[in-house]
Amino acid sequence: RIVRDWVTSIGLEASAYGTHSMRRTKVTQIYKKTGNLRAVQLLLGHAKMDSTVRYLGVELEDALVIAEAIEI
């Protein structure tokens, strides 16, 4: 209810926002900025990394981009 009232007060469509979508958006942004799946896993409280990968929709392409960005 609080989220719905807040979203409506700033002129957005309340049905497009909820606590779950905000939770998902935050961790998605953290993942995109850091590439740190372990941090996201901890923030979400997932026991298994597989759950975090599925939750974020991480694809092989994402993993390859991260790997290519790091030079050894």
C-alpha atoms as a PDB file:
ATOM      1  CA  ARG A   1       0.000   0.000   0.000  1.00  0.00           C
ATOM      2  CA  ILE A   2       2.823   2.408   0.846  1.00  0.00           C
ATOM      3  CA  VAL A   3       4.570   1.734  -2.455  1.00  0.00           C
ATOM      4  CA  ARG A   4       1.300   2.128  -4.388  1.00  0.00           C
ATOM      5  CA  ASP A   5       0.569   5.475  -2.703  1.00  0.00           C
ATOM      6  CA  TRP A   6       4.119   6.725  -3.293  1.00  0.00           C
ATOM      7  CA  VAL A   7       4.152   5.697  -6.963  1.00  0.00           C
ATOM      8  CA  THR A   8       0.749   7.275  -7.543  1.00  0.00           C
ATOM      9  CA  SER A   9       1.839  10.501  -5.823  1.00  0.00           C
ATOM     10  CA  ILE A  10       4.662  10.985  -8.330  1.00  0.00           C
ATOM     11  CA  GLY A  11       2.367  10.378 -11.275  1.00  0.00           C
ATOM     12  CA  LEU A  12       3.292   6.827 -12.258  1.00  0.00           C
ATOM     13  CA  GLU A  13       0.996   3.878 -12.899  1.00  0.00           C
ATOM     14  CA  ALA A  14       0.766   2.000  -9.599  1.00  0.00           C
ATOM     15  CA  SER A  15       0.101  -1.376 -11.230  1.00  0.00           C
ATOM     16  CA  ALA A  16       3.558  -1.310 -12.830  1.00  0.00           C
ATOM     17  CA  TYR A  17       5.399  -1.091  -9.497  1.00  0.00           C
ATOM     18  CA  GLY A  18       5.590  -3.185  -6.373  1.00  0.00           C
ATOM     19  CA  THR A  19       8.018  -4.197  -3.676  1.00  0.00           C
ATOM     20  CA  HIS A  20       9.186  -7.208  -5.672  1.00  0.00           C
ATOM     21  CA  SER A  21       9.888  -5.242  -8.847  1.00  0.00           C
ATOM     22  CA  MET A  22      11.830  -2.665  -6.808  1.00  0.00           C
ATOM     23  CA  ARG A  23      13.842  -5.440  -5.143  1.00  0.00           C
ATOM     24  CA  ARG A  24      14.634  -6.989  -8.490  1.00  0.00           C
ATOM     25  CA  THR A  25      15.555  -3.629 -10.054  1.00  0.00           C
ATOM     26  CA  LYS A  26      17.997  -2.796  -7.244  1.00  0.00           C
ATOM     27  CA  VAL A  27      19.915  -6.067  -7.433  1.00  0.00           C
ATOM     28  CA  THR A  28      19.894  -5.985 -11.227  1.00  0.00           C
ATOM     29  CA  GLN A  29      21.526  -2.552 -11.130  1.00  0.00           C
ATOM     30  CA  ILE A  30      24.093  -3.765  -8.596  1.00  0.00           C
ATOM     31  CA  TYR A  31      24.909  -6.737 -10.819  1.00  0.00           C
ATOM     32  CA  LYS A  32      25.190  -4.590 -13.959  1.00  0.00           C
ATOM     33  CA  LYS A  33      27.486  -2.063 -12.255  1.00  0.00           C
ATOM     34  CA  THR A  34      29.711  -4.542 -10.434  1.00  0.00           C
ATOM     35  CA  GLY A  35      29.296  -7.916 -12.124  1.00  0.00           C
ATOM     36  CA  ASN A  36      29.423  -9.375  -8.615  1.00  0.00           C
ATOM     37  CA  LEU A  37      26.973 -12.269  -8.513  1.00  0.00           C
ATOM     38  CA  ARG A  38      28.083 -13.312  -5.024  1.00  0.00           C
ATOM     39  CA  ALA A  39      27.158  -9.906  -3.576  1.00  0.00           C
ATOM     40  CA  VAL A  40      23.751 -10.093  -5.262  1.00  0.00           C
ATOM     41  CA  GLN A  41      23.286 -13.640  -3.974  1.00  0.00           C
ATOM     42  CA  LEU A  42      23.952 -12.468  -0.423  1.00  0.00           C
ATOM     43  CA  LEU A  43      21.644  -9.464  -0.754  1.00  0.00           C
ATOM     44  CA  LEU A  44      18.820 -11.652  -2.029  1.00  0.00           C
ATOM     45  CA  GLY A  45      19.389 -14.320   0.594  1.00  0.00           C
ATOM     46  CA  HIS A  46      19.684 -17.086  -1.976  1.00  0.00           C
ATOM     47  CA  ALA A  47      21.344 -20.282  -0.763  1.00  0.00           C
ATOM     48  CA  LYS A  48      22.386 -21.340  -4.262  1.00  0.00           C
ATOM     49  CA  MET A  49      24.095 -19.300  -6.945  1.00  0.00           C
ATOM     50  CA  ASP A  50      21.904 -21.027  -9.537  1.00  0.00           C
ATOM     51  CA  SER A  51      18.869 -19.369  -7.992  1.00  0.00           C
ATOM     52  CA  THR A  52      20.501 -15.949  -8.272  1.00  0.00           C
ATOM     53  CA  VAL A  53      21.511 -16.552 -11.882  1.00  0.00           C
ATOM     54  CA  ARG A  54      17.952 -17.566 -12.791  1.00  0.00           C
ATOM     55  CA  TYR A  55      16.459 -14.642 -10.820  1.00  0.00           C
ATOM     56  CA  LEU A  56      18.594 -12.123 -12.691  1.00  0.00           C
ATOM     57  CA  GLY A  57      18.303 -13.889 -16.025  1.00  0.00           C
ATOM     58  CA  VAL A  58      22.077 -13.962 -16.427  1.00  0.00           C
ATOM     59  CA  GLU A  59      23.010 -15.363 -19.802  1.00  0.00           C
ATOM     60  CA  LEU A  60      26.236 -16.780 -21.173  1.00  0.00           C
ATOM     61  CA  GLU A  61      26.768 -13.517 -23.061  1.00  0.00           C
ATOM     62  CA  ASP A  62      26.748 -11.580 -19.775  1.00  0.00           C
ATOM     63  CA  ALA A  63      29.344 -13.887 -18.288  1.00  0.00           C
ATOM     64  CA  LEU A  64      31.573 -13.594 -21.363  1.00  0.00           C
ATOM     65  CA  VAL A  65      31.389  -9.785 -21.371  1.00  0.00           C
ATOM     66  CA  ILE A  66      32.457  -9.723 -17.717  1.00  0.00           C
ATOM     67  CA  ALA A  67      35.270 -12.188 -18.343  1.00  0.00           C
ATOM     68  CA  GLU A  68      36.539 -10.243 -21.360  1.00  0.00           C
ATOM     69  CA  ALA A  69      36.564  -6.981 -19.391  1.00  0.00           C
ATOM     70  CA  ILE A  70      39.065  -8.367 -16.908  1.00  0.00           C
ATOM     71  CA  GLU A  71      42.674  -8.588 -17.998  1.00  0.00           C
ATOM     72  CA  ILE A  72      45.179 -10.858 -16.352  1.00  0.00           C
END
